[in-house]
Amino acid sequence: MVSERKRITLQGELEEMRSLVENAERARKHAESELTEAHSRISELTIQITTISNDKRRLEGDIGVMQADLDDAINAKQAAEDRANRLNTEVLRLADELRQEQENYKHAESLRKQLEIEIREITFEAEQRRGKEAMAGLRKYERQYKELQTQAEDDRRMVLELQDLLDKTQMKMKAYKRQLEESVSSVNHLIDDTFTYSGHFKCM
């Protein structure tokens, strides 16, 4: 009877140990499975982190290039504005000189016409009087007339030259204005791109 009870007791303990071993084996396999999944997840996260780091460096490089382009475009825009302002000042100065030369030309032309009338009158008087004094006066007015005619021609030439210079300067100014508009457009485009890339960069 004692041996039977001992056998039964040992049999129970053996069954209990088997159950414990099976539970331990299941726990080991579960732990191994979780460890494998953890390693797999770590590998995936490592790849994602590497990709994000590479993208971050690439975006930093792109932003650096775009910032340099933006600075160049801003400098070009400022230079175009400065040239346009200088040309505008030059146009105003040339326009003022042109007006002054036109007034001088009109004044000289008026004097020339007045002298023509006086010469005709003196010529008529000289023909009537045939006097030396009248002829001397005629020669005097003829000299003045020629001088004024020469001056009027010089003024007319100056007016034409100033008009040509003004036209050329205005053409240059239009070209610089177009360049300025293109620079402004380029700056705005680069600013938009920079903000877009900066937004992507901040999201990382």
C-alpha atoms as a PDB file:
ATOM      1  CA  MET A   1       0.000   0.000   0.000  1.00  0.00           C
ATOM      2  CA  VAL A   2       2.820   2.378   0.868  1.00  0.00           C
ATOM      3  CA  SER A   3       4.576   1.667  -2.398  1.00  0.00           C
ATOM      4  CA  GLU A   4       1.378   2.240  -4.350  1.00  0.00           C
ATOM      5  CA  ARG A   5       0.753   5.565  -2.650  1.00  0.00           C
ATOM      6  CA  LYS A   6       4.351   6.584  -3.284  1.00  0.00           C
ATOM      7  CA  ARG A   7       4.060   5.578  -6.914  1.00  0.00           C
ATOM      8  CA  ILE A   8       0.858   7.572  -7.270  1.00  0.00           C
ATOM      9  CA  THR A   9       2.492  10.561  -5.569  1.00  0.00           C
ATOM     10  CA  LEU A  10       5.529  10.343  -7.802  1.00  0.00           C
ATOM     11  CA  GLN A  11       3.289   9.926 -10.828  1.00  0.00           C
ATOM     12  CA  GLY A  12       1.430  13.110  -9.850  1.00  0.00           C
ATOM     13  CA  GLU A  13       4.667  15.001  -9.341  1.00  0.00           C
ATOM     14  CA  LEU A  14       5.923  13.753 -12.706  1.00  0.00           C
ATOM     15  CA  GLU A  15       2.757  14.918 -14.432  1.00  0.00           C
ATOM     16  CA  GLU A  16       3.063  18.281 -12.707  1.00  0.00           C
ATOM     17  CA  MET A  17       6.692  18.605 -13.817  1.00  0.00           C
ATOM     18  CA  ARG A  18       5.754  17.661 -17.371  1.00  0.00           C
ATOM     19  CA  SER A  19       3.066  20.336 -17.309  1.00  0.00           C
ATOM     20  CA  LEU A  20       5.596  22.854 -15.997  1.00  0.00           C
ATOM     21  CA  VAL A  21       8.091  21.880 -18.705  1.00  0.00           C
ATOM     22  CA  GLU A  22       5.427  22.221 -21.409  1.00  0.00           C
ATOM     23  CA  ASN A  23       4.398  25.617 -20.059  1.00  0.00           C
ATOM     24  CA  ALA A  24       8.024  26.702 -19.926  1.00  0.00           C
ATOM     25  CA  GLU A  25       8.568  25.518 -23.514  1.00  0.00           C
ATOM     26  CA  ARG A  26       5.510  27.404 -24.707  1.00  0.00           C
ATOM     27  CA  ALA A  27       6.703  30.503 -22.863  1.00  0.00           C
ATOM     28  CA  ARG A  28      10.183  30.109 -24.408  1.00  0.00           C
ATOM     29  CA  LYS A  29       8.753  29.798 -27.928  1.00  0.00           C
ATOM     30  CA  HIS A  30       6.482  32.796 -27.331  1.00  0.00           C
ATOM     31  CA  ALA A  31       9.429  34.816 -26.052  1.00  0.00           C
ATOM     32  CA  GLU A  32      11.520  33.780 -29.060  1.00  0.00           C
ATOM     33  CA  SER A  33       8.670  34.804 -31.384  1.00  0.00           C
ATOM     34  CA  GLU A  34       8.349  38.191 -29.680  1.00  0.00           C
ATOM     35  CA  LEU A  35      12.138  38.622 -29.814  1.00  0.00           C
ATOM     36  CA  THR A  36      12.141  37.845 -33.554  1.00  0.00           C
ATOM     37  CA  GLU A  37       9.322  40.344 -34.117  1.00  0.00           C
ATOM     38  CA  ALA A  38      11.189  42.921 -32.037  1.00  0.00           C
ATOM     39  CA  HIS A  39      14.373  42.414 -34.105  1.00  0.00           C
ATOM     40  CA  SER A  40      12.321  42.736 -37.296  1.00  0.00           C
ATOM     41  CA  ARG A  41      10.660  45.917 -36.023  1.00  0.00           C
ATOM     42  CA  ILE A  42      14.019  47.345 -34.975  1.00  0.00           C
ATOM     43  CA  SER A  43      15.393  46.643 -38.465  1.00  0.00           C
ATOM     44  CA  GLU A  44      12.394  48.361 -40.068  1.00  0.00           C
ATOM     45  CA  LEU A  45      12.741  51.379 -37.765  1.00  0.00           C
ATOM     46  CA  THR A  46      16.486  51.542 -38.463  1.00  0.00           C
ATOM     47  CA  ILE A  47      15.809  51.600 -42.221  1.00  0.00           C
ATOM     48  CA  GLN A  48      13.141  54.294 -41.746  1.00  0.00           C
ATOM     49  CA  ILE A  49      15.461  56.391 -39.573  1.00  0.00           C
ATOM     50  CA  THR A  50      18.259  56.061 -42.146  1.00  0.00           C
ATOM     51  CA  THR A  51      15.881  57.054 -44.963  1.00  0.00           C
ATOM     52  CA  ILE A  52      14.577  60.029 -42.975  1.00  0.00           C
ATOM     53  CA  SER A  53      18.140  61.116 -42.123  1.00  0.00           C
ATOM     54  CA  ASN A  54      19.151  60.905 -45.788  1.00  0.00           C
ATOM     55  CA  ASP A  55      16.046  62.857 -46.832  1.00  0.00           C
ATOM     56  CA  LYS A  56      16.785  65.427 -44.151  1.00  0.00           C
ATOM     57  CA  ARG A  57      20.373  65.903 -45.367  1.00  0.00           C
ATOM     58  CA  ARG A  58      19.168  66.124 -48.969  1.00  0.00           C
ATOM     59  CA  LEU A  59      16.533  68.721 -48.072  1.00  0.00           C
ATOM     60  CA  GLU A  60      19.090  70.675 -46.043  1.00  0.00           C
ATOM     61  CA  GLY A  61      21.355  70.690 -49.104  1.00  0.00           C
ATOM     62  CA  ASP A  62      18.481  71.720 -51.387  1.00  0.00           C
ATOM     63  CA  ILE A  63      17.475  74.507 -49.008  1.00  0.00           C
ATOM     64  CA  GLY A  64      21.089  75.713 -48.864  1.00  0.00           C
ATOM     65  CA  VAL A  65      21.278  75.833 -52.673  1.00  0.00           C
ATOM     66  CA  MET A  66      17.884  77.540 -52.906  1.00  0.00           C
ATOM     67  CA  GLN A  67      18.902  80.082 -50.263  1.00  0.00           C
ATOM     68  CA  ALA A  68      22.037  80.890 -52.269  1.00  0.00           C
ATOM     69  CA  ASP A  69      19.917  81.216 -55.430  1.00  0.00           C
ATOM     70  CA  LEU A  70      17.475  83.416 -53.526  1.00  0.00           C
ATOM     71  CA  ASP A  71      20.300  85.663 -52.296  1.00  0.00           C
ATOM     72  CA  ASP A  72      21.663  85.928 -55.850  1.00  0.00           C
ATOM     73  CA  ALA A  73      18.202  86.752 -57.207  1.00  0.00           C
ATOM     74  CA  ILE A  74      17.635  89.385 -54.499  1.00  0.00           C
ATOM     75  CA  ASN A  75      21.028  90.948 -55.270  1.00  0.00           C
ATOM     76  CA  ALA A  76      20.230  90.914 -59.010  1.00  0.00           C
ATOM     77  CA  LYS A  77      16.844  92.499 -58.291  1.00  0.00           C
ATOM     78  CA  GLN A  78      18.476  95.221 -56.174  1.00  0.00           C
ATOM     79  CA  ALA A  79      21.093  95.863 -58.865  1.00  0.00           C
ATOM     80  CA  ALA A  80      18.364  96.120 -61.521  1.00  0.00           C
ATOM     81  CA  GLU A  81      16.413  98.537 -59.307  1.00  0.00           C
ATOM     82  CA  ASP A  82      19.534 100.668 -58.808  1.00  0.00           C
ATOM     83  CA  ARG A  83      20.222 100.725 -62.560  1.00  0.00           C
ATOM     84  CA  ALA A  84      16.589 101.589 -63.280  1.00  0.00           C
ATOM     85  CA  ASN A  85      16.692 104.433 -60.731  1.00  0.00           C
ATOM     86  CA  ARG A  86      19.931 105.798 -62.189  1.00  0.00           C
ATOM     87  CA  LEU A  87      18.523 105.593 -65.708  1.00  0.00           C
ATOM     88  CA  ASN A  88      15.321 107.295 -64.590  1.00  0.00           C
ATOM     89  CA  THR A  89      17.380 110.156 -63.151  1.00  0.00           C
ATOM     90  CA  GLU A  90      19.372 110.312 -66.401  1.00  0.00           C
ATOM     91  CA  VAL A  91      16.166 110.358 -68.463  1.00  0.00           C
ATOM     92  CA  LEU A  92      14.798 113.245 -66.400  1.00  0.00           C
ATOM     93  CA  ARG A  93      18.076 115.153 -66.784  1.00  0.00           C
ATOM     94  CA  LEU A  94      18.195 114.568 -70.547  1.00  0.00           C
ATOM     95  CA  ALA A  95      14.548 115.541 -70.906  1.00  0.00           C
ATOM     96  CA  ASP A  96      15.256 118.792 -69.048  1.00  0.00           C
ATOM     97  CA  GLU A  97      18.303 119.485 -71.244  1.00  0.00           C
ATOM     98  CA  LEU A  98      16.242 118.693 -74.320  1.00  0.00           C
ATOM     99  CA  ARG A  99      13.540 121.153 -73.275  1.00  0.00           C
ATOM    100  CA  GLN A 100      16.197 123.802 -72.641  1.00  0.00           C
ATOM    101  CA  GLU A 101      17.808 123.203 -76.038  1.00  0.00           C
ATOM    102  CA  GLN A 102      14.404 123.313 -77.731  1.00  0.00           C
ATOM    103  CA  GLU A 103      13.728 126.660 -76.071  1.00  0.00           C
ATOM    104  CA  ASN A 104      17.140 127.921 -77.192  1.00  0.00           C
ATOM    105  CA  TYR A 105      16.426 126.721 -80.711  1.00  0.00           C
ATOM    106  CA  LYS A 106      13.032 128.435 -80.763  1.00  0.00           C
ATOM    107  CA  HIS A 107      14.586 131.642 -79.455  1.00  0.00           C
ATOM    108  CA  ALA A 108      17.383 131.536 -82.058  1.00  0.00           C
ATOM    109  CA  GLU A 109      14.859 130.776 -84.795  1.00  0.00           C
ATOM    110  CA  SER A 110      12.751 133.737 -83.680  1.00  0.00           C
ATOM    111  CA  LEU A 111      15.796 136.029 -83.762  1.00  0.00           C
ATOM    112  CA  ARG A 112      16.757 134.668 -87.169  1.00  0.00           C
ATOM    113  CA  LYS A 113      13.334 135.439 -88.593  1.00  0.00           C
ATOM    114  CA  GLN A 114      13.402 138.873 -87.024  1.00  0.00           C
ATOM    115  CA  LEU A 115      16.801 139.549 -88.577  1.00  0.00           C
ATOM    116  CA  GLU A 116      15.528 138.338 -91.953  1.00  0.00           C
ATOM    117  CA  ILE A 117      12.827 140.966 -91.771  1.00  0.00           C
ATOM    118  CA  GLU A 118      15.320 143.646 -90.704  1.00  0.00           C
ATOM    119  CA  ILE A 119      17.747 142.614 -93.472  1.00  0.00           C
ATOM    120  CA  ARG A 120      15.003 142.867 -96.063  1.00  0.00           C
ATOM    121  CA  GLU A 121      14.077 146.294 -94.733  1.00  0.00           C
ATOM    122  CA  ILE A 122      17.689 147.465 -94.704  1.00  0.00           C
ATOM    123  CA  THR A 123      18.282 145.987 -98.145  1.00  0.00           C
ATOM    124  CA  PHE A 124      15.322 147.909 -99.444  1.00  0.00           C
ATOM    125  CA  GLU A 125      16.582 151.027 -97.689  1.00  0.00           C
ATOM    126  CA  ALA A 126      20.078 150.480 -99.096  1.00  0.00           C
ATOM    127  CA  GLU A 127      18.718 150.095-102.569  1.00  0.00           C
ATOM    128  CA  GLN A 128      16.813 153.310-102.101  1.00  0.00           C
ATOM    129  CA  ARG A 129      19.534 155.331-100.494  1.00  0.00           C
ATOM    130  CA  ARG A 130      22.602 153.580-101.894  1.00  0.00           C
ATOM    131  CA  GLY A 131      24.391 154.988 -98.929  1.00  0.00           C
ATOM    132  CA  LYS A 132      27.532 153.628 -97.332  1.00  0.00           C
ATOM    133  CA  GLU A 133      26.021 153.717 -93.900  1.00  0.00           C
ATOM    134  CA  ALA A 134      23.069 151.622 -95.008  1.00  0.00           C
ATOM    135  CA  MET A 135      25.338 149.085 -96.712  1.00  0.00           C
ATOM    136  CA  ALA A 136      27.535 148.866 -93.583  1.00  0.00           C
ATOM    137  CA  GLY A 137      24.432 148.223 -91.516  1.00  0.00           C
ATOM    138  CA  LEU A 138      23.388 145.599 -94.023  1.00  0.00           C
ATOM    139  CA  ARG A 139      26.717 143.814 -93.755  1.00  0.00           C
ATOM    140  CA  LYS A 140      26.501 143.987 -89.971  1.00  0.00           C
ATOM    141  CA  TYR A 141      23.072 142.413 -89.938  1.00  0.00           C
ATOM    142  CA  GLU A 142      24.160 139.860 -92.505  1.00  0.00           C
ATOM    143  CA  ARG A 143      26.992 138.810 -90.188  1.00  0.00           C
ATOM    144  CA  GLN A 144      24.621 138.607 -87.252  1.00  0.00           C
ATOM    145  CA  TYR A 145      22.205 136.650 -89.384  1.00  0.00           C
ATOM    146  CA  LYS A 146      24.868 134.122 -90.375  1.00  0.00           C
ATOM    147  CA  GLU A 147      26.019 133.803 -86.768  1.00  0.00           C
ATOM    148  CA  LEU A 148      22.479 133.213 -85.598  1.00  0.00           C
ATOM    149  CA  GLN A 149      21.873 130.813 -88.450  1.00  0.00           C
ATOM    150  CA  THR A 150      24.984 128.867 -87.422  1.00  0.00           C
ATOM    151  CA  GLN A 151      23.882 128.957 -83.786  1.00  0.00           C
ATOM    152  CA  ALA A 152      20.402 127.795 -84.752  1.00  0.00           C
ATOM    153  CA  GLU A 153      21.891 124.929 -86.749  1.00  0.00           C
ATOM    154  CA  ASP A 154      24.095 123.974 -83.785  1.00  0.00           C
ATOM    155  CA  ASP A 155      21.087 124.119 -81.481  1.00  0.00           C
ATOM    156  CA  ARG A 156      19.064 122.018 -83.893  1.00  0.00           C
ATOM    157  CA  ARG A 157      21.873 119.447 -84.024  1.00  0.00           C
ATOM    158  CA  MET A 158      22.083 119.448 -80.234  1.00  0.00           C
ATOM    159  CA  VAL A 159      18.321 118.918 -79.985  1.00  0.00           C
ATOM    160  CA  LEU A 160      18.523 115.966 -82.374  1.00  0.00           C
ATOM    161  CA  GLU A 161      21.475 114.465 -80.491  1.00  0.00           C
ATOM    162  CA  LEU A 162      19.743 114.886 -77.143  1.00  0.00           C
ATOM    163  CA  GLN A 163      16.545 113.391 -78.540  1.00  0.00           C
ATOM    164  CA  ASP A 164      18.501 110.405 -79.858  1.00  0.00           C
ATOM    165  CA  LEU A 165      20.295 110.001 -76.517  1.00  0.00           C
ATOM    166  CA  LEU A 166      16.995 110.294 -74.660  1.00  0.00           C
ATOM    167  CA  ASP A 167      15.408 107.652 -76.898  1.00  0.00           C
ATOM    168  CA  LYS A 168      18.332 105.276 -76.352  1.00  0.00           C
ATOM    169  CA  THR A 169      18.274 105.858 -72.593  1.00  0.00           C
ATOM    170  CA  GLN A 170      14.535 105.218 -72.472  1.00  0.00           C
ATOM    171  CA  MET A 171      15.070 101.959 -74.394  1.00  0.00           C
ATOM    172  CA  LYS A 172      17.725 100.942 -71.861  1.00  0.00           C
ATOM    173  CA  MET A 173      15.370 101.829 -69.041  1.00  0.00           C
ATOM    174  CA  LYS A 174      12.627  99.642 -70.540  1.00  0.00           C
ATOM    175  CA  ALA A 175      15.123  96.775 -70.812  1.00  0.00           C
ATOM    176  CA  TYR A 176      16.172  97.207 -67.181  1.00  0.00           C
ATOM    177  CA  LYS A 177      12.519  97.350 -66.132  1.00  0.00           C
ATOM    178  CA  ARG A 178      11.920  94.040 -67.907  1.00  0.00           C
ATOM    179  CA  GLN A 179      14.997  92.617 -66.188  1.00  0.00           C
ATOM    180  CA  LEU A 180      13.699  93.945 -62.861  1.00  0.00           C
ATOM    181  CA  GLU A 181      10.298  92.296 -63.414  1.00  0.00           C
ATOM    182  CA  GLU A 182      12.027  89.001 -64.260  1.00  0.00           C
ATOM    183  CA  SER A 183      14.190  89.296 -61.124  1.00  0.00           C
ATOM    184  CA  VAL A 184      11.132  89.971 -58.954  1.00  0.00           C
ATOM    185  CA  SER A 185       9.360  86.951 -60.473  1.00  0.00           C
ATOM    186  CA  SER A 186      12.446  84.792 -59.869  1.00  0.00           C
ATOM    187  CA  VAL A 187      12.736  85.988 -56.265  1.00  0.00           C
ATOM    188  CA  ASN A 188       9.056  85.255 -55.583  1.00  0.00           C
ATOM    189  CA  HIS A 189       9.379  81.788 -57.136  1.00  0.00           C
ATOM    190  CA  LEU A 190      12.475  80.993 -55.077  1.00  0.00           C
ATOM    191  CA  ILE A 191      10.804  82.262 -51.896  1.00  0.00           C
ATOM    192  CA  ASP A 192       7.806  79.984 -52.527  1.00  0.00           C
ATOM    193  CA  ASP A 193      10.097  76.999 -53.163  1.00  0.00           C
ATOM    194  CA  THR A 194      12.156  77.774 -50.054  1.00  0.00           C
ATOM    195  CA  PHE A 195       9.040  77.932 -47.871  1.00  0.00           C
ATOM    196  CA  THR A 196       7.816  74.651 -49.382  1.00  0.00           C
ATOM    197  CA  TYR A 197      11.099  72.868 -48.678  1.00  0.00           C
ATOM    198  CA  SER A 198      11.295  74.423 -45.216  1.00  0.00           C
ATOM    199  CA  GLY A 199       7.808  73.087 -44.490  1.00  0.00           C
ATOM    200  CA  HIS A 200       8.846  69.576 -45.535  1.00  0.00           C
ATOM    201  CA  PHE A 201      11.987  69.900 -43.435  1.00  0.00           C
ATOM    202  CA  LYS A 202      10.091  70.975 -40.302  1.00  0.00           C
ATOM    203  CA  CYS A 203       7.729  68.001 -40.638  1.00  0.00           C
ATOM    204  CA  MET A 204      10.644  65.591 -40.165  1.00  0.00           C
END
